[in-house]
Amino acid sequence: MFCYHEILALSLLGRAVTAQQIVNGQIYTPGIAIVDAPQPNTPLGGGESSLVGSSPSLLTVTDFLQVALDVTSDGQLQLPPYPSNSPTEIYNITIFLSSYTTGKNFTISNGTATAGNASLGEIMEQEPSSTVKHVNWVWPDCLVGNGPALSGDNSSRGAYNISIRQNFKLNGTNMYTIFDLPIEVTNEISANDSRPSCNSLNNNLLTQNALNASANNFSRIPGSALDTSNGKGSGSGIGAGSMVEWRTAVHWIWIASFTLMFAL
């Protein structure tokens, strides 16, 4: 028989999965982009290693947080540059790695690349001919280790959200949304002098209320059409029937789920 906390945790997790709108392994965000990888709650870091470059001092592919974003919404939207006065387009996408558990909020990409690509440049300008943008971000130094963080080891490993923030126009309406994808930094990340400093990437962690107030609250129904015809399309991508409080629901449900899982 499940105890109350187990039932509550499963209930929260079930609601989180519903909120994420996962269809055939693709995660529909409250925006245009679709997340192809990673999947929610995936333990990251580690895995099969292969060298990047010829020097032993260089990082391997397991030293990167890898995120795959389909920015055409399964081929409905063309890649930039968009037509003049297009009713649907992505202005920019920024990504952060944040955690209320560790108190960290690392910049993955805010549109400007820093030295050594510690933080990445504009997502939409990567791989110009590819409909899927592959984000490869080097794990910073405070996430080095293996397994969960231990008391007193000065590690910032643990439960995080990949926070995907889209600034876009959808069917003629300008939108800004924040989508948090939960992961766990628990697999092995090896020490390497090439790793950027966590202090150089860390930002103030905004409160949930501040984040909720900054973003539009809505959901796009998976499979619904985008209006890309300069006002001549159906514009059926969003509507009153599909409105939910994405930013509020996604944010606190996933944080609560992680808190309960680690407390059980």
Protein backbone atom coordinates (compact mmCIF):
# COMPACT_ATOMS: atom_id res chain seq x y z
CA MET A 1 0.00 0.00 0.00
CA PHE A 2 1.31 3.49 -0.89
CA CYS A 3 1.76 5.97 1.89
CA TYR A 4 0.34 9.48 1.53
CA HIS A 5 3.65 11.03 0.43
CA GLU A 6 4.16 8.37 -2.27
CA ILE A 7 0.67 8.93 -3.64
CA LEU A 8 1.18 12.70 -3.60
CA ALA A 9 4.56 12.39 -5.33
CA LEU A 10 3.11 10.16 -8.05
CA SER A 11 0.20 12.54 -8.48
CA LEU A 12 2.52 15.50 -8.91
CA LEU A 13 4.69 13.58 -11.35
CA GLY A 14 1.64 12.60 -13.36
CA ARG A 15 0.52 16.20 -13.59
CA ALA A 16 4.02 17.25 -14.63
CA VAL A 17 4.06 14.72 -17.48
CA THR A 18 0.67 15.99 -18.64
CA ALA A 19 1.88 19.58 -18.52
CA GLN A 20 4.92 18.73 -20.62
CA GLN A 21 2.84 17.41 -23.53
CA ILE A 22 5.13 14.55 -24.57
CA VAL A 23 4.17 13.10 -27.97
CA ASN A 24 6.27 10.27 -29.47
CA GLY A 25 9.22 11.31 -27.33
CA GLN A 26 9.02 14.98 -28.34
CA ILE A 27 8.34 17.51 -25.58
CA TYR A 28 6.06 20.36 -26.67
CA THR A 29 6.97 23.61 -24.94
CA PRO A 30 4.62 26.57 -24.42
CA GLY A 31 6.02 28.10 -27.59
CA ILE A 32 7.28 27.11 -31.02
CA ALA A 33 10.33 25.01 -30.14
CA ILE A 34 10.02 21.28 -29.44
CA VAL A 35 12.54 19.50 -27.19
CA ASP A 36 13.88 16.29 -28.75
CA ALA A 37 16.37 15.63 -25.93
CA PRO A 38 16.90 15.13 -23.07
CA GLN A 39 13.82 13.47 -21.61
CA PRO A 40 12.44 14.70 -18.26
CA ASN A 41 14.20 13.58 -15.08
CA THR A 42 17.13 12.07 -17.00
CA PRO A 43 20.31 11.54 -14.93
CA LEU A 44 22.97 13.47 -16.86
CA GLY A 45 26.76 13.65 -16.91
CA GLY A 46 28.86 10.59 -17.71
CA GLY A 47 27.99 7.87 -20.18
CA GLU A 48 30.13 6.55 -23.02
CA SER A 49 33.15 8.78 -23.61
CA SER A 50 34.76 9.81 -26.89
CA LEU A 51 37.55 12.36 -27.27
CA VAL A 52 36.91 15.74 -28.86
CA GLY A 53 40.17 16.51 -30.65
CA SER A 54 43.56 14.82 -30.48
CA SER A 55 44.91 16.03 -27.15
CA PRO A 56 44.25 14.06 -23.94
CA SER A 57 43.64 17.37 -22.15
CA LEU A 58 40.62 18.14 -24.32
CA LEU A 59 37.09 17.47 -23.18
CA THR A 60 35.06 14.47 -24.28
CA VAL A 61 31.44 14.41 -25.42
CA THR A 62 30.36 13.32 -21.95
CA ASP A 63 31.62 16.66 -20.63
CA PHE A 64 28.73 18.50 -22.24
CA LEU A 65 25.11 19.09 -21.36
CA GLN A 66 23.39 18.35 -24.67
CA VAL A 67 19.97 19.76 -25.58
CA ALA A 68 18.26 19.23 -28.95
CA LEU A 69 15.62 21.79 -29.97
CA ASP A 70 13.45 21.57 -33.08
CA VAL A 71 12.88 25.25 -33.91
CA THR A 72 10.51 24.61 -36.83
CA SER A 73 7.83 22.83 -34.79
CA ASP A 74 8.14 19.64 -36.83
CA GLY A 75 8.62 21.44 -40.14
CA GLN A 76 5.71 23.88 -39.85
CA LEU A 77 7.95 26.95 -39.65
CA GLN A 78 10.82 27.73 -41.98
CA LEU A 79 14.30 28.55 -40.70
CA PRO A 80 15.42 32.21 -40.46
CA PRO A 81 15.46 34.57 -42.17
CA TYR A 82 11.68 34.74 -41.97
CA PRO A 83 9.47 36.50 -44.55
CA SER A 84 8.65 40.13 -43.94
CA ASN A 85 5.67 40.51 -41.56
CA SER A 86 5.53 36.78 -40.87
CA PRO A 87 2.75 36.07 -38.34
CA THR A 88 4.89 33.38 -36.68
CA GLU A 89 8.61 33.54 -35.94
CA ILE A 90 11.15 33.01 -33.17
CA TYR A 91 12.97 36.17 -32.10
CA ASN A 92 15.41 34.44 -29.78
CA ILE A 93 15.86 31.56 -27.34
CA THR A 94 17.87 31.76 -24.13
CA ILE A 95 18.64 28.83 -21.84
CA PHE A 96 19.67 28.57 -18.18
CA LEU A 97 20.41 25.71 -15.79
CA SER A 98 18.75 26.55 -12.49
CA SER A 99 17.96 24.90 -9.18
CA TYR A 100 16.19 26.00 -6.02
CA THR A 101 17.83 23.00 -4.35
CA THR A 102 21.39 24.25 -4.91
CA GLY A 103 20.56 27.94 -5.34
CA LYS A 104 22.41 28.09 -8.66
CA ASN A 105 21.32 29.70 -11.92
CA PHE A 106 23.91 29.13 -14.66
CA THR A 107 23.84 30.79 -18.08
CA ILE A 108 23.86 28.25 -20.90
CA SER A 109 23.04 30.82 -23.60
CA ASN A 110 21.85 34.42 -23.32
CA GLY A 111 22.68 35.34 -26.91
CA THR A 112 26.33 36.32 -26.39
CA ALA A 113 29.16 33.78 -26.38
CA THR A 114 31.81 34.19 -23.69
CA ALA A 115 35.46 33.09 -23.72
CA GLY A 116 35.87 29.42 -24.55
CA ASN A 117 32.10 29.13 -25.09
CA ALA A 118 31.55 28.93 -21.35
CA SER A 119 28.17 30.39 -22.24
CA LEU A 120 26.96 30.01 -25.80
CA GLY A 121 25.93 32.47 -28.49
CA GLU A 122 22.49 32.89 -30.04
CA ILE A 123 20.76 29.51 -30.32
CA MET A 124 18.91 30.39 -33.53
CA GLU A 125 22.21 31.19 -35.30
CA GLN A 126 23.74 27.77 -34.62
CA GLU A 127 23.74 25.19 -37.43
CA PRO A 128 22.02 27.60 -39.88
CA SER A 129 20.74 24.88 -42.22
CA SER A 130 19.50 22.54 -39.47
CA THR A 131 15.93 22.46 -38.18
CA VAL A 132 17.24 21.01 -34.91
CA LYS A 133 19.65 23.13 -32.88
CA HIS A 134 22.10 21.03 -30.86
CA VAL A 135 23.20 22.83 -27.72
CA ASN A 136 26.52 21.55 -26.34
CA TRP A 137 27.40 23.28 -23.07
CA VAL A 138 30.48 22.36 -21.04
CA TRP A 139 29.64 21.30 -17.49
CA PRO A 140 31.25 23.88 -15.15
CA ASP A 141 33.67 23.03 -12.37
CA CYS A 142 31.29 22.86 -9.40
CA LEU A 143 29.35 20.00 -11.03
CA VAL A 144 32.36 17.68 -11.10
CA GLY A 145 31.80 14.43 -9.22
CA ASN A 146 29.98 11.11 -9.33
CA GLY A 147 26.57 10.46 -7.79
CA PRO A 148 24.53 12.95 -5.76
CA ALA A 149 26.22 15.71 -3.81
CA LEU A 150 27.45 14.76 -0.35
CA SER A 151 27.29 16.99 2.68
CA GLY A 152 30.40 19.13 2.97
CA ASP A 153 31.91 18.34 -0.45
CA ASN A 154 31.24 21.86 -1.89
CA SER A 155 29.50 20.33 -4.90
CA SER A 156 26.50 21.88 -6.64
CA ARG A 157 25.31 18.58 -8.10
CA GLY A 158 21.68 17.55 -7.78
CA ALA A 159 18.23 18.41 -9.18
CA TYR A 160 18.12 21.12 -11.87
CA ASN A 161 15.79 22.57 -14.47
CA ILE A 162 16.92 23.31 -18.02
CA SER A 163 15.06 26.61 -18.31
CA ILE A 164 14.18 27.34 -21.95
CA ARG A 165 12.97 30.88 -22.56
CA GLN A 166 11.41 31.74 -25.91
CA ASN A 167 10.74 35.23 -27.25
CA PHE A 168 8.55 34.79 -30.31
CA LYS A 169 5.48 35.72 -32.33
CA LEU A 170 2.78 33.07 -32.69
CA ASN A 171 -0.08 33.61 -35.11
CA GLY A 172 0.36 37.38 -34.89
CA THR A 173 0.72 37.61 -31.10
CA ASN A 174 4.04 38.41 -29.40
CA MET A 175 4.84 35.99 -26.57
CA TYR A 176 7.51 35.29 -23.98
CA THR A 177 7.43 31.91 -22.24
CA ILE A 178 9.60 29.99 -19.78
CA PHE A 179 9.70 26.21 -19.90
CA ASP A 180 11.53 24.21 -17.22
CA LEU A 181 12.72 20.72 -18.10
CA PRO A 182 13.84 18.77 -14.99
CA ILE A 183 17.07 16.77 -14.99
CA GLU A 184 19.36 15.29 -12.36
CA VAL A 185 23.10 15.97 -12.38
CA THR A 186 24.16 12.68 -10.79
CA ASN A 187 26.25 10.81 -13.39
CA GLU A 188 30.02 11.14 -13.38
CA ILE A 189 31.59 14.41 -14.53
CA SER A 190 35.38 14.29 -14.42
CA ALA A 191 37.70 17.06 -13.31
CA ASN A 192 39.35 18.97 -16.16
CA ASP A 193 41.24 22.24 -16.30
CA SER A 194 39.21 23.23 -19.36
CA ARG A 195 36.00 23.53 -17.35
CA PRO A 196 34.61 27.06 -16.89
CA SER A 197 34.15 28.50 -13.44
CA CYS A 198 30.68 28.22 -11.94
CA ASN A 199 31.08 31.71 -10.46
CA SER A 200 31.54 33.20 -13.94
CA LEU A 201 28.26 31.65 -15.11
CA ASN A 202 26.07 32.05 -12.06
CA ASN A 203 23.23 34.59 -11.86
CA ASN A 204 20.80 35.63 -9.18
CA LEU A 205 18.00 33.08 -8.85
CA LEU A 206 14.65 34.80 -9.28
CA THR A 207 11.68 33.82 -7.15
CA GLN A 208 8.92 31.72 -8.62
CA ASN A 209 6.52 34.68 -8.37
CA ALA A 210 8.91 36.91 -10.31
CA LEU A 211 9.34 34.31 -13.05
CA ASN A 212 5.60 33.67 -13.26
CA ALA A 213 4.91 37.38 -13.61
CA SER A 214 7.46 37.79 -16.42
CA ALA A 215 6.01 35.21 -18.81
CA ASN A 216 2.83 34.57 -20.77
CA ASN A 217 0.72 31.66 -19.54
CA PHE A 218 -0.61 29.48 -22.31
CA SER A 219 -0.26 26.09 -23.97
CA ARG A 220 0.01 25.08 -27.60
CA ILE A 221 -1.88 21.93 -28.48
CA PRO A 222 0.49 19.39 -30.07
CA GLY A 223 -0.27 19.02 -33.76
CA SER A 224 -2.10 22.34 -34.03
CA ALA A 225 -1.22 24.48 -37.03
CA LEU A 226 1.03 27.53 -37.04
CA ASP A 227 -0.05 30.52 -39.09
CA THR A 228 2.88 31.18 -41.43
CA SER A 229 1.00 32.77 -44.33
CA ASN A 230 1.16 36.49 -43.52
CA GLY A 231 -2.34 36.60 -42.08
CA LYS A 232 -3.96 34.19 -44.56
CA GLY A 233 -3.66 31.06 -42.45
CA SER A 234 -6.09 29.61 -39.93
CA GLY A 235 -4.17 30.80 -36.88
CA SER A 236 -5.31 27.71 -34.99
CA GLY A 237 -2.17 27.19 -32.97
CA ILE A 238 -3.63 28.69 -29.80
CA GLY A 239 -7.09 29.49 -28.58
CA ALA A 240 -9.24 29.96 -25.51
CA GLY A 241 -9.77 26.23 -25.18
CA SER A 242 -6.05 25.52 -24.91
CA MET A 243 -5.08 28.12 -22.32
CA VAL A 244 -3.43 26.83 -19.16
CA GLU A 245 -1.00 28.33 -16.66
CA TRP A 246 2.13 26.72 -18.11
CA ARG A 247 4.70 28.83 -16.33
CA THR A 248 3.13 28.41 -12.91
CA ALA A 249 2.17 24.76 -13.31
CA VAL A 250 5.42 23.51 -14.82
CA HIS A 251 7.67 25.38 -12.43
CA TRP A 252 6.29 24.48 -9.04
CA ILE A 253 5.05 20.99 -9.91
CA TRP A 254 8.50 19.80 -11.04
CA ILE A 255 10.25 21.40 -8.07
CA ALA A 256 7.72 19.78 -5.72
CA SER A 257 8.18 16.42 -7.43
CA PHE A 258 11.95 16.50 -6.96
CA THR A 259 11.59 17.62 -3.34
CA LEU A 260 9.26 14.79 -2.53
CA MET A 261 11.34 12.15 -4.34
CA PHE A 262 14.46 13.06 -2.38
CA ALA A 263 12.47 13.22 0.87
CA LEU A 264 11.01 9.72 0.51
